[in-house]
Structure formats: structure tokens, C-alpha cells
Amino acid sequence: AGKTKSFTKVFKAAASTNNNLTFGIGGDFGDRSDDDAAVRY
């Protein structure tokens, strides 16, 4: 809270895509079971 942080990520793409870079900003309390939950956890 109240702090600005810098982030830089360097990655090799695991798949080709012409889609979006998405910021998921809703609350997540580690108890979801939606489609991508297993991957993101």
C-alpha cells in the first residue's frame, strides 16, 4: 500500500499469440476454481 514499485520481466514466449497482455486486478484470496486457477496458483 502506498508504494510505487518497478517491474521488468524478460521471458521466452511459450506460445504464439496476437491477443492481450492482461492485468488481472480483482481480489484473489487463493480459493478460486475458475478455468485458469490451477495455472495461476
PDB file of all heavy atoms in Angstrom:
ATOM      1  N   ALA A   1       0.821  -1.216   0.000  1.00  0.00           N
ATOM      2  CA  ALA A   1       0.000   0.000   0.000  1.00  0.00           C
ATOM      3  C   ALA A   1       0.852   1.262   0.000  1.00  0.00           C
ATOM      4  O   ALA A   1       1.770   1.410   0.809  1.00  0.00           O
ATOM      5  CB  ALA A   1      -0.920   0.007   1.214  1.00  0.00           C
ATOM      6  N   GLY A   2       0.530   2.166  -0.925  1.00  0.00           N
ATOM      7  CA  GLY A   2       1.154   3.480  -0.949  1.00  0.00           C
ATOM      8  C   GLY A   2       2.550   3.539  -1.529  1.00  0.00           C
ATOM      9  O   GLY A   2       3.187   4.600  -1.486  1.00  0.00           O
ATOM     10  N   LYS A   3       3.047   2.460  -2.091  1.00  0.00           N
ATOM     11  CA  LYS A   3       4.406   2.452  -2.643  1.00  0.00           C
ATOM     12  C   LYS A   3       4.370   2.133  -4.134  1.00  0.00           C
ATOM     13  O   LYS A   3       3.621   1.269  -4.570  1.00  0.00           O
ATOM     14  CB  LYS A   3       5.276   1.434  -1.915  1.00  0.00           C
ATOM     15  CG  LYS A   3       5.521   1.757  -0.454  1.00  0.00           C
ATOM     16  CD  LYS A   3       6.434   0.717   0.183  1.00  0.00           C
ATOM     17  CE  LYS A   3       6.693   1.040   1.654  1.00  0.00           C
ATOM     18  NZ  LYS A   3       7.570   0.017   2.288  1.00  0.00           N
ATOM     19  N   THR A   4       5.218   2.834  -4.895  1.00  0.00           N
ATOM     20  CA  THR A   4       5.359   2.549  -6.312  1.00  0.00           C
ATOM     21  C   THR A   4       6.543   1.614  -6.512  1.00  0.00           C
ATOM     22  O   THR A   4       7.633   1.872  -6.003  1.00  0.00           O
ATOM     23  CB  THR A   4       5.579   3.839  -7.121  1.00  0.00           C
ATOM     24  OG1 THR A   4       4.436   4.693  -6.968  1.00  0.00           O
ATOM     25  CG2 THR A   4       5.769   3.534  -8.601  1.00  0.00           C
ATOM     26  N   LYS A   5       6.313   0.533  -7.240  1.00  0.00           N
ATOM     27  CA  LYS A   5       7.366  -0.444  -7.481  1.00  0.00           C
ATOM     28  C   LYS A   5       7.599  -0.602  -8.988  1.00  0.00           C
ATOM     29  O   LYS A   5       6.664  -0.468  -9.780  1.00  0.00           O
ATOM     30  CB  LYS A   5       7.010  -1.800  -6.865  1.00  0.00           C
ATOM     31  CG  LYS A   5       6.904  -1.771  -5.344  1.00  0.00           C
ATOM     32  CD  LYS A   5       6.712  -3.167  -4.777  1.00  0.00           C
ATOM     33  CE  LYS A   5       7.966  -4.005  -4.929  1.00  0.00           C
ATOM     34  NZ  LYS A   5       7.811  -5.351  -4.308  1.00  0.00           N
ATOM     35  N   SER A   6       8.853  -0.870  -9.352  1.00  0.00           N
ATOM     36  CA  SER A   6       9.212  -1.074 -10.757  1.00  0.00           C
ATOM     37  C   SER A   6       9.321  -2.567 -11.049  1.00  0.00           C
ATOM     38  O   SER A   6       9.820  -3.331 -10.220  1.00  0.00           O
ATOM     39  CB  SER A   6      10.549  -0.394 -11.064  1.00  0.00           C
ATOM     40  OG  SER A   6      10.452   1.003 -10.895  1.00  0.00           O
ATOM     41  N   PHE A   7       8.858  -2.964 -12.227  1.00  0.00           N
ATOM     42  CA  PHE A   7       8.903  -4.369 -12.625  1.00  0.00           C
ATOM     43  C   PHE A   7       9.418  -4.480 -14.057  1.00  0.00           C
ATOM     44  O   PHE A   7       8.989  -3.728 -14.942  1.00  0.00           O
ATOM     45  CB  PHE A   7       7.512  -4.995 -12.548  1.00  0.00           C
ATOM     46  CG  PHE A   7       6.887  -4.941 -11.186  1.00  0.00           C
ATOM     47  CD1 PHE A   7       6.074  -3.877 -10.834  1.00  0.00           C
ATOM     48  CD2 PHE A   7       7.135  -5.938 -10.253  1.00  0.00           C
ATOM     49  CE1 PHE A   7       5.497  -3.811  -9.569  1.00  0.00           C
ATOM     50  CE2 PHE A   7       6.567  -5.885  -8.987  1.00  0.00           C
ATOM     51  CZ  PHE A   7       5.750  -4.814  -8.640  1.00  0.00           C
ATOM     52  N   THR A   8      10.327  -5.405 -14.269  1.00  0.00           N
ATOM     53  CA  THR A   8      10.788  -5.745 -15.610  1.00  0.00           C
ATOM     54  C   THR A   8      10.874  -7.261 -15.695  1.00  0.00           C
ATOM     55  O   THR A   8      11.550  -7.887 -14.883  1.00  0.00           O
ATOM     56  CB  THR A   8      12.158  -5.127 -15.933  1.00  0.00           C
ATOM     57  OG1 THR A   8      12.053  -3.699 -15.927  1.00  0.00           O
ATOM     58  CG2 THR A   8      12.650  -5.578 -17.310  1.00  0.00           C
ATOM     59  N   LYS A   9      10.170  -7.845 -16.653  1.00  0.00           N
ATOM     60  CA  LYS A   9      10.186  -9.288 -16.848  1.00  0.00           C
ATOM     61  C   LYS A   9      10.691  -9.589 -18.255  1.00  0.00           C
ATOM     62  O   LYS A   9      10.219  -9.004 -19.236  1.00  0.00           O
ATOM     63  CB  LYS A   9       8.787  -9.883 -16.668  1.00  0.00           C
ATOM     64  CG  LYS A   9       8.206  -9.709 -15.271  1.00  0.00           C
ATOM     65  CD  LYS A   9       8.913 -10.583 -14.249  1.00  0.00           C
ATOM     66  CE  LYS A   9       8.302 -10.432 -12.868  1.00  0.00           C
ATOM     67  NZ  LYS A   9       8.968 -11.291 -11.865  1.00  0.00           N
ATOM     68  N   VAL A  10      11.651 -10.497 -18.330  1.00  0.00           N
ATOM     69  CA  VAL A  10      12.192 -10.954 -19.603  1.00  0.00           C
ATOM     70  C   VAL A  10      11.778 -12.416 -19.764  1.00  0.00           C
ATOM     71  O   VAL A  10      12.028 -13.229 -18.874  1.00  0.00           O
ATOM     72  CB  VAL A  10      13.727 -10.831 -19.637  1.00  0.00           C
ATOM     73  CG1 VAL A  10      14.264 -11.256 -20.986  1.00  0.00           C
ATOM     74  CG2 VAL A  10      14.158  -9.403 -19.309  1.00  0.00           C
ATOM     75  N   PHE A  11      11.127 -12.768 -20.860  1.00  0.00           N
ATOM     76  CA  PHE A  11      10.639 -14.134 -21.000  1.00  0.00           C
ATOM     77  C   PHE A  11      10.705 -14.614 -22.443  1.00  0.00           C
ATOM     78  O   PHE A  11      10.632 -13.813 -23.389  1.00  0.00           O
ATOM     79  CB  PHE A  11       9.194 -14.239 -20.496  1.00  0.00           C
ATOM     80  CG  PHE A  11       8.187 -13.483 -21.331  1.00  0.00           C
ATOM     81  CD1 PHE A  11       7.500 -14.112 -22.367  1.00  0.00           C
ATOM     82  CD2 PHE A  11       7.930 -12.140 -21.082  1.00  0.00           C
ATOM     83  CE1 PHE A  11       6.578 -13.423 -23.133  1.00  0.00           C
ATOM     84  CE2 PHE A  11       7.011 -11.433 -21.848  1.00  0.00           C
ATOM     85  CZ  PHE A  11       6.333 -12.079 -22.878  1.00  0.00           C
ATOM     86  N   LYS A  12      10.851 -15.917 -22.598  1.00  0.00           N
ATOM     87  CA  LYS A  12      10.762 -16.541 -23.906  1.00  0.00           C
ATOM     88  C   LYS A  12       9.332 -17.040 -24.072  1.00  0.00           C
ATOM     89  O   LYS A  12       8.835 -17.800 -23.242  1.00  0.00           O
ATOM     90  CB  LYS A  12      11.743 -17.708 -24.021  1.00  0.00           C
ATOM     91  CG  LYS A  12      11.758 -18.369 -25.401  1.00  0.00           C
ATOM     92  CD  LYS A  12      12.783 -19.486 -25.473  1.00  0.00           C
ATOM     93  CE  LYS A  12      14.189 -18.917 -25.571  1.00  0.00           C
ATOM     94  NZ  LYS A  12      15.182 -19.997 -25.849  1.00  0.00           N
ATOM     95  N   ALA A  13       8.663 -16.601 -25.130  1.00  0.00           N
ATOM     96  CA  ALA A  13       7.250 -16.914 -25.321  1.00  0.00           C
ATOM     97  C   ALA A  13       7.032 -18.419 -25.481  1.00  0.00           C
ATOM     98  O   ALA A  13       7.653 -19.062 -26.327  1.00  0.00           O
ATOM     99  CB  ALA A  13       6.702 -16.177 -26.534  1.00  0.00           C
ATOM    100  N   ALA A  14       6.128 -18.960 -24.668  1.00  0.00           N
ATOM    101  CA  ALA A  14       5.802 -20.390 -24.723  1.00  0.00           C
ATOM    102  C   ALA A  14       4.798 -20.702 -25.822  1.00  0.00           C
ATOM    103  O   ALA A  14       4.591 -21.865 -26.165  1.00  0.00           O
ATOM    104  CB  ALA A  14       5.249 -20.847 -23.379  1.00  0.00           C
ATOM    105  N   ALA A  15       4.168 -19.670 -26.372  1.00  0.00           N
ATOM    106  CA  ALA A  15       3.183 -19.850 -27.444  1.00  0.00           C
ATOM    107  C   ALA A  15       3.105 -18.566 -28.256  1.00  0.00           C
ATOM    108  O   ALA A  15       3.458 -17.491 -27.774  1.00  0.00           O
ATOM    109  CB  ALA A  15       1.820 -20.182 -26.854  1.00  0.00           C
ATOM    110  N   SER A  16       2.666 -18.696 -29.486  1.00  0.00           N
ATOM    111  CA  SER A  16       2.425 -17.522 -30.327  1.00  0.00           C
ATOM    112  C   SER A  16       1.010 -17.020 -30.079  1.00  0.00           C
ATOM    113  O   SER A  16       0.075 -17.808 -29.950  1.00  0.00           O
ATOM    114  CB  SER A  16       2.587 -17.873 -31.804  1.00  0.00           C
ATOM    115  OG  SER A  16       3.911 -18.242 -32.097  1.00  0.00           O
ATOM    116  N   THR A  17       0.859 -15.709 -30.001  1.00  0.00           N
ATOM    117  CA  THR A  17      -0.471 -15.150 -29.779  1.00  0.00           C
ATOM    118  C   THR A  17      -0.527 -13.720 -30.286  1.00  0.00           C
ATOM    119  O   THR A  17       0.468 -12.985 -30.232  1.00  0.00           O
ATOM    120  CB  THR A  17      -0.857 -15.183 -28.288  1.00  0.00           C
ATOM    121  OG1 THR A  17      -2.159 -14.616 -28.121  1.00  0.00           O
ATOM    122  CG2 THR A  17       0.119 -14.390 -27.433  1.00  0.00           C
ATOM    123  N   ASN A  18      -1.674 -13.347 -30.808  1.00  0.00           N
ATOM    124  CA  ASN A  18      -1.927 -11.972 -31.206  1.00  0.00           C
ATOM    125  C   ASN A  18      -3.115 -11.493 -30.393  1.00  0.00           C
ATOM    126  O   ASN A  18      -4.151 -11.122 -30.918  1.00  0.00           O
ATOM    127  CB  ASN A  18      -2.220 -11.895 -32.704  1.00  0.00           C
ATOM    128  CG  ASN A  18      -2.386 -10.471 -33.191  1.00  0.00           C
ATOM    129  OD1 ASN A  18      -1.839  -9.538 -32.620  1.00  0.00           O
ATOM    130  ND2 ASN A  18      -3.161 -10.293 -34.237  1.00  0.00           N
ATOM    131  N   ASN A  19      -2.945 -11.528 -29.077  1.00  0.00           N
ATOM    132  CA  ASN A  19      -4.041 -11.277 -28.154  1.00  0.00           C
ATOM    133  C   ASN A  19      -3.695 -10.113 -27.239  1.00  0.00           C
ATOM    134  O   ASN A  19      -3.262  -9.068 -27.709  1.00  0.00           O
ATOM    135  CB  ASN A  19      -4.329 -12.564 -27.372  1.00  0.00           C
ATOM    136  CG  ASN A  19      -5.671 -12.538 -26.679  1.00  0.00           C
ATOM    137  OD1 ASN A  19      -5.738 -12.214 -25.510  1.00  0.00           O
ATOM    138  ND2 ASN A  19      -6.741 -12.874 -27.392  1.00  0.00           N
ATOM    139  N   ASN A  20      -3.857 -10.300 -25.941  1.00  0.00           N
ATOM    140  CA  ASN A  20      -3.644  -9.210 -24.992  1.00  0.00           C
ATOM    141  C   ASN A  20      -2.619  -9.546 -23.924  1.00  0.00           C
ATOM    142  O   ASN A  20      -2.433 -10.712 -23.573  1.00  0.00           O
ATOM    143  CB  ASN A  20      -4.955  -8.872 -24.273  1.00  0.00           C
ATOM    144  CG  ASN A  20      -5.981  -8.252 -25.183  1.00  0.00           C
ATOM    145  OD1 ASN A  20      -5.647  -7.462 -26.052  1.00  0.00           O
ATOM    146  ND2 ASN A  20      -7.237  -8.614 -25.000  1.00  0.00           N
ATOM    147  N   LEU A  21      -1.995  -8.513 -23.416  1.00  0.00           N
ATOM    148  CA  LEU A  21      -1.340  -8.595 -22.114  1.00  0.00           C
ATOM    149  C   LEU A  21      -2.377  -8.093 -21.133  1.00  0.00           C
ATOM    150  O   LEU A  21      -2.905  -6.987 -21.291  1.00  0.00           O
ATOM    151  CB  LEU A  21      -0.077  -7.744 -22.071  1.00  0.00           C
ATOM    152  CG  LEU A  21       0.693  -7.791 -20.740  1.00  0.00           C
ATOM    153  CD1 LEU A  21       2.208  -7.669 -20.979  1.00  0.00           C
ATOM    154  CD2 LEU A  21       0.242  -6.720 -19.765  1.00  0.00           C
ATOM    155  N   THR A  22      -2.690  -8.919 -20.133  1.00  0.00           N
ATOM    156  CA  THR A  22      -3.813  -8.645 -19.236  1.00  0.00           C
ATOM    157  C   THR A  22      -3.361  -8.470 -17.795  1.00  0.00           C
ATOM    158  O   THR A  22      -2.613  -9.289 -17.272  1.00  0.00           O
ATOM    159  CB  THR A  22      -4.836  -9.797 -19.294  1.00  0.00           C
ATOM    160  OG1 THR A  22      -5.325  -9.919 -20.631  1.00  0.00           O
ATOM    161  CG2 THR A  22      -5.990  -9.561 -18.357  1.00  0.00           C
ATOM    162  N   PHE A  23      -3.818  -7.385 -17.179  1.00  0.00           N
ATOM    163  CA  PHE A  23      -3.628  -7.173 -15.747  1.00  0.00           C
ATOM    164  C   PHE A  23      -4.901  -7.635 -15.045  1.00  0.00           C
ATOM    165  O   PHE A  23      -5.958  -7.001 -15.182  1.00  0.00           O
ATOM    166  CB  PHE A  23      -3.390  -5.700 -15.431  1.00  0.00           C
ATOM    167  CG  PHE A  23      -2.053  -5.169 -15.867  1.00  0.00           C
ATOM    168  CD1 PHE A  23      -1.866  -4.662 -17.149  1.00  0.00           C
ATOM    169  CD2 PHE A  23      -0.967  -5.166 -14.997  1.00  0.00           C
ATOM    170  CE1 PHE A  23      -0.643  -4.161 -17.546  1.00  0.00           C
ATOM    171  CE2 PHE A  23       0.264  -4.671 -15.378  1.00  0.00           C
ATOM    172  CZ  PHE A  23       0.436  -4.172 -16.665  1.00  0.00           C
ATOM    173  N   GLY A  24      -4.827  -8.748 -14.298  1.00  0.00           N
ATOM    174  CA  GLY A  24      -5.957  -9.218 -13.507  1.00  0.00           C
ATOM    175  C   GLY A  24      -5.952  -8.511 -12.166  1.00  0.00           C
ATOM    176  O   GLY A  24      -5.124  -8.788 -11.314  1.00  0.00           O
ATOM    177  N   ILE A  25      -6.877  -7.576 -11.966  1.00  0.00           N
ATOM    178  CA  ILE A  25      -6.790  -6.694 -10.802  1.00  0.00           C
ATOM    179  C   ILE A  25      -7.894  -6.924  -9.769  1.00  0.00           C
ATOM    180  O   ILE A  25      -7.981  -6.196  -8.782  1.00  0.00           O
ATOM    181  CB  ILE A  25      -6.766  -5.206 -11.217  1.00  0.00           C
ATOM    182  CG1 ILE A  25      -8.054  -4.829 -11.959  1.00  0.00           C
ATOM    183  CG2 ILE A  25      -5.559  -4.921 -12.102  1.00  0.00           C
ATOM    184  CD1 ILE A  25      -8.131  -3.342 -12.304  1.00  0.00           C
ATOM    185  N   GLY A  26      -8.743  -7.923  -9.986  1.00  0.00           N
ATOM    186  CA  GLY A  26      -9.741  -8.232  -8.967  1.00  0.00           C
ATOM    187  C   GLY A  26      -9.108  -8.893  -7.754  1.00  0.00           C
ATOM    188  O   GLY A  26      -7.934  -9.271  -7.782  1.00  0.00           O
ATOM    189  N   GLY A  27      -9.858  -9.013  -6.684  1.00  0.00           N
ATOM    190  CA  GLY A  27      -9.341  -9.688  -5.495  1.00  0.00           C
ATOM    191  C   GLY A  27      -9.140 -11.173  -5.768  1.00  0.00           C
ATOM    192  O   GLY A  27      -9.908 -11.788  -6.494  1.00  0.00           O
ATOM    193  N   ASP A  28      -8.099 -11.732  -5.213  1.00  0.00           N
ATOM    194  CA  ASP A  28      -7.871 -13.180  -5.325  1.00  0.00           C
ATOM    195  C   ASP A  28      -7.316 -13.651  -3.995  1.00  0.00           C
ATOM    196  O   ASP A  28      -6.223 -13.244  -3.601  1.00  0.00           O
ATOM    197  CB  ASP A  28      -6.904 -13.507  -6.456  1.00  0.00           C
ATOM    198  CG  ASP A  28      -6.931 -14.991  -6.814  1.00  0.00           C
ATOM    199  OD1 ASP A  28      -7.183 -15.817  -5.907  1.00  0.00           O
ATOM    200  OD2 ASP A  28      -6.703 -15.325  -7.984  1.00  0.00           O
ATOM    201  N   PHE A  29      -8.070 -14.505  -3.318  1.00  0.00           N
ATOM    202  CA  PHE A  29      -7.682 -14.948  -1.980  1.00  0.00           C
ATOM    203  C   PHE A  29      -7.290 -16.420  -1.951  1.00  0.00           C
ATOM    204  O   PHE A  29      -7.338 -17.076  -0.917  1.00  0.00           O
ATOM    205  CB  PHE A  29      -8.820 -14.652  -1.005  1.00  0.00           C
ATOM    206  CG  PHE A  29      -9.262 -13.206  -1.070  1.00  0.00           C
ATOM    207  CD1 PHE A  29     -10.546 -12.869  -1.467  1.00  0.00           C
ATOM    208  CD2 PHE A  29      -8.368 -12.189  -0.787  1.00  0.00           C
ATOM    209  CE1 PHE A  29     -10.941 -11.530  -1.560  1.00  0.00           C
ATOM    210  CE2 PHE A  29      -8.756 -10.852  -0.875  1.00  0.00           C
ATOM    211  CZ  PHE A  29     -10.040 -10.518  -1.258  1.00  0.00           C
ATOM    212  N   GLY A  30      -6.885 -16.921  -3.156  1.00  0.00           N
ATOM    213  CA  GLY A  30      -6.347 -18.269  -3.226  1.00  0.00           C
ATOM    214  C   GLY A  30      -7.372 -19.369  -3.116  1.00  0.00           C
ATOM    215  O   GLY A  30      -7.012 -20.523  -2.876  1.00  0.00           O
ATOM    216  N   ASP A  31      -8.648 -19.044  -3.310  1.00  0.00           N
ATOM    217  CA  ASP A  31      -9.689 -20.058  -3.115  1.00  0.00           C
ATOM    218  C   ASP A  31     -10.625 -20.165  -4.319  1.00  0.00           C
ATOM    219  O   ASP A  31     -11.744 -20.640  -4.210  1.00  0.00           O
ATOM    220  CB  ASP A  31     -10.506 -19.741  -1.863  1.00  0.00           C
ATOM    221  CG  ASP A  31     -11.064 -18.322  -1.873  1.00  0.00           C
ATOM    222  OD1 ASP A  31     -10.905 -17.619  -2.888  1.00  0.00           O
ATOM    223  OD2 ASP A  31     -11.668 -17.927  -0.859  1.00  0.00           O
ATOM    224  N   ARG A  32     -10.166 -19.744  -5.479  1.00  0.00           N
ATOM    225  CA  ARG A  32     -10.989 -19.808  -6.675  1.00  0.00           C
ATOM    226  C   ARG A  32     -10.801 -21.138  -7.402  1.00  0.00           C
ATOM    227  O   ARG A  32      -9.774 -21.804  -7.240  1.00  0.00           O
ATOM    228  CB  ARG A  32     -10.639 -18.672  -7.636  1.00  0.00           C
ATOM    229  CG  ARG A  32     -10.833 -17.275  -7.055  1.00  0.00           C
ATOM    230  CD  ARG A  32     -12.258 -16.962  -6.717  1.00  0.00           C
ATOM    231  NE  ARG A  32     -13.116 -16.964  -7.899  1.00  0.00           N
ATOM    232  CZ  ARG A  32     -14.423 -16.755  -7.858  1.00  0.00           C
ATOM    233  NH1 ARG A  32     -15.029 -16.541  -6.708  1.00  0.00           N
ATOM    234  NH2 ARG A  32     -15.124 -16.765  -8.960  1.00  0.00           N
ATOM    235  N   SER A  33     -11.781 -21.497  -8.217  1.00  0.00           N
ATOM    236  CA  SER A  33     -11.682 -22.734  -9.001  1.00  0.00           C
ATOM    237  C   SER A  33     -12.074 -22.475 -10.454  1.00  0.00           C
ATOM    238  O   SER A  33     -12.592 -23.359 -11.124  1.00  0.00           O
ATOM    239  CB  SER A  33     -12.581 -23.814  -8.393  1.00  0.00           C
ATOM    240  OG  SER A  33     -13.934 -23.369  -8.349  1.00  0.00           O
ATOM    241  N   ASP A  34     -11.842 -21.236 -10.930  1.00  0.00           N
ATOM    242  CA  ASP A  34     -12.176 -20.919 -12.302  1.00  0.00           C
ATOM    243  C   ASP A  34     -11.167 -21.558 -13.267  1.00  0.00           C
ATOM    244  O   ASP A  34     -10.218 -22.217 -12.846  1.00  0.00           O
ATOM    245  CB  ASP A  34     -12.273 -19.400 -12.515  1.00  0.00           C
ATOM    246  CG  ASP A  34     -11.199 -18.631 -11.787  1.00  0.00           C
ATOM    247  OD1 ASP A  34     -10.727 -19.119 -10.764  1.00  0.00           O
ATOM    248  OD2 ASP A  34     -10.821 -17.552 -12.250  1.00  0.00           O
ATOM    249  N   ASP A  35     -11.359 -21.352 -14.563  1.00  0.00           N
ATOM    250  CA  ASP A  35     -10.644 -22.109 -15.590  1.00  0.00           C
ATOM    251  C   ASP A  35      -9.126 -22.097 -15.461  1.00  0.00           C
ATOM    252  O   ASP A  35      -8.474 -23.114 -15.665  1.00  0.00           O
ATOM    253  CB  ASP A  35     -11.035 -21.600 -16.985  1.00  0.00           C
ATOM    254  CG  ASP A  35     -12.476 -21.934 -17.328  1.00  0.00           C
ATOM    255  OD1 ASP A  35     -13.060 -22.794 -16.640  1.00  0.00           O
ATOM    256  OD2 ASP A  35     -13.023 -21.332 -18.269  1.00  0.00           O
ATOM    257  N   ASP A  36      -8.550 -20.944 -15.162  1.00  0.00           N
ATOM    258  CA  ASP A  36      -7.083 -20.868 -15.139  1.00  0.00           C
ATOM    259  C   ASP A  36      -6.501 -20.867 -13.722  1.00  0.00           C
ATOM    260  O   ASP A  36      -5.323 -20.581 -13.536  1.00  0.00           O
ATOM    261  CB  ASP A  36      -6.598 -19.623 -15.892  1.00  0.00           C
ATOM    262  CG  ASP A  36      -6.840 -18.338 -15.104  1.00  0.00           C
ATOM    263  OD1 ASP A  36      -7.860 -18.274 -14.381  1.00  0.00           O
ATOM    264  OD2 ASP A  36      -6.026 -17.415 -15.208  1.00  0.00           O
ATOM    265  N   ALA A  37      -7.315 -21.196 -12.727  1.00  0.00           N
ATOM    266  CA  ALA A  37      -6.867 -21.127 -11.326  1.00  0.00           C
ATOM    267  C   ALA A  37      -5.636 -21.993 -11.071  1.00  0.00           C
ATOM    268  O   ALA A  37      -4.674 -21.549 -10.433  1.00  0.00           O
ATOM    269  CB  ALA A  37      -8.000 -21.520 -10.387  1.00  0.00           C
ATOM    270  N   ALA A  38      -5.644 -23.228 -11.549  1.00  0.00           N
ATOM    271  CA  ALA A  38      -4.524 -24.135 -11.285  1.00  0.00           C
ATOM    272  C   ALA A  38      -3.219 -23.571 -11.842  1.00  0.00           C
ATOM    273  O   ALA A  38      -2.171 -23.635 -11.191  1.00  0.00           O
ATOM    274  CB  ALA A  38      -4.807 -25.509 -11.897  1.00  0.00           C
ATOM    275  N   VAL A  39      -3.302 -22.972 -13.037  1.00  0.00           N
ATOM    276  CA  VAL A  39      -2.099 -22.403 -13.662  1.00  0.00           C
ATOM    277  C   VAL A  39      -1.610 -21.195 -12.882  1.00  0.00           C
ATOM    278  O   VAL A  39      -0.435 -21.093 -12.536  1.00  0.00           O
ATOM    279  CB  VAL A  39      -2.384 -22.002 -15.131  1.00  0.00           C
ATOM    280  CG1 VAL A  39      -1.199 -21.238 -15.716  1.00  0.00           C
ATOM    281  CG2 VAL A  39      -2.671 -23.238 -15.963  1.00  0.00           C
ATOM    282  N   ARG A  40      -2.505 -20.255 -12.584  1.00  0.00           N
ATOM    283  CA  ARG A  40      -2.038 -19.027 -11.936  1.00  0.00           C
ATOM    284  C   ARG A  40      -1.575 -19.270 -10.496  1.00  0.00           C
ATOM    285  O   ARG A  40      -0.672 -18.574 -10.010  1.00  0.00           O
ATOM    286  CB  ARG A  40      -3.077 -17.921 -12.029  1.00  0.00           C
ATOM    287  CG  ARG A  40      -4.313 -18.029 -11.190  1.00  0.00           C
ATOM    288  CD  ARG A  40      -5.138 -16.739 -11.295  1.00  0.00           C
ATOM    289  NE  ARG A  40      -6.249 -16.744 -10.380  1.00  0.00           N
ATOM    290  CZ  ARG A  40      -7.461 -17.209 -10.666  1.00  0.00           C
ATOM    291  NH1 ARG A  40      -7.719 -17.696 -11.872  1.00  0.00           N
ATOM    292  NH2 ARG A  40      -8.426 -17.165  -9.773  1.00  0.00           N
ATOM    293  N   TYR A  41      -2.170 -20.240  -9.803  1.00  0.00           N
ATOM    294  CA  TYR A  41      -1.700 -20.533  -8.448  1.00  0.00           C
ATOM    295  C   TYR A  41      -0.352 -21.240  -8.472  1.00  0.00           C
ATOM    296  O   TYR A  41       0.469 -21.052  -7.567  1.00  0.00           O
ATOM    297  CB  TYR A  41      -2.738 -21.360  -7.688  1.00  0.00           C
ATOM    298  CG  TYR A  41      -4.018 -20.597  -7.376  1.00  0.00           C
ATOM    299  CD1 TYR A  41      -5.241 -21.247  -7.268  1.00  0.00           C
ATOM    300  CD2 TYR A  41      -4.005 -19.212  -7.199  1.00  0.00           C
ATOM    301  CE1 TYR A  41      -6.412 -20.556  -6.990  1.00  0.00           C
ATOM    302  CE2 TYR A  41      -5.169 -18.519  -6.922  1.00  0.00           C
ATOM    303  CZ  TYR A  41      -6.372 -19.189  -6.817  1.00  0.00           C
ATOM    304  OH  TYR A  41      -7.529 -18.490  -6.548  1.00  0.00           O
TER     305      TYR A  41
END
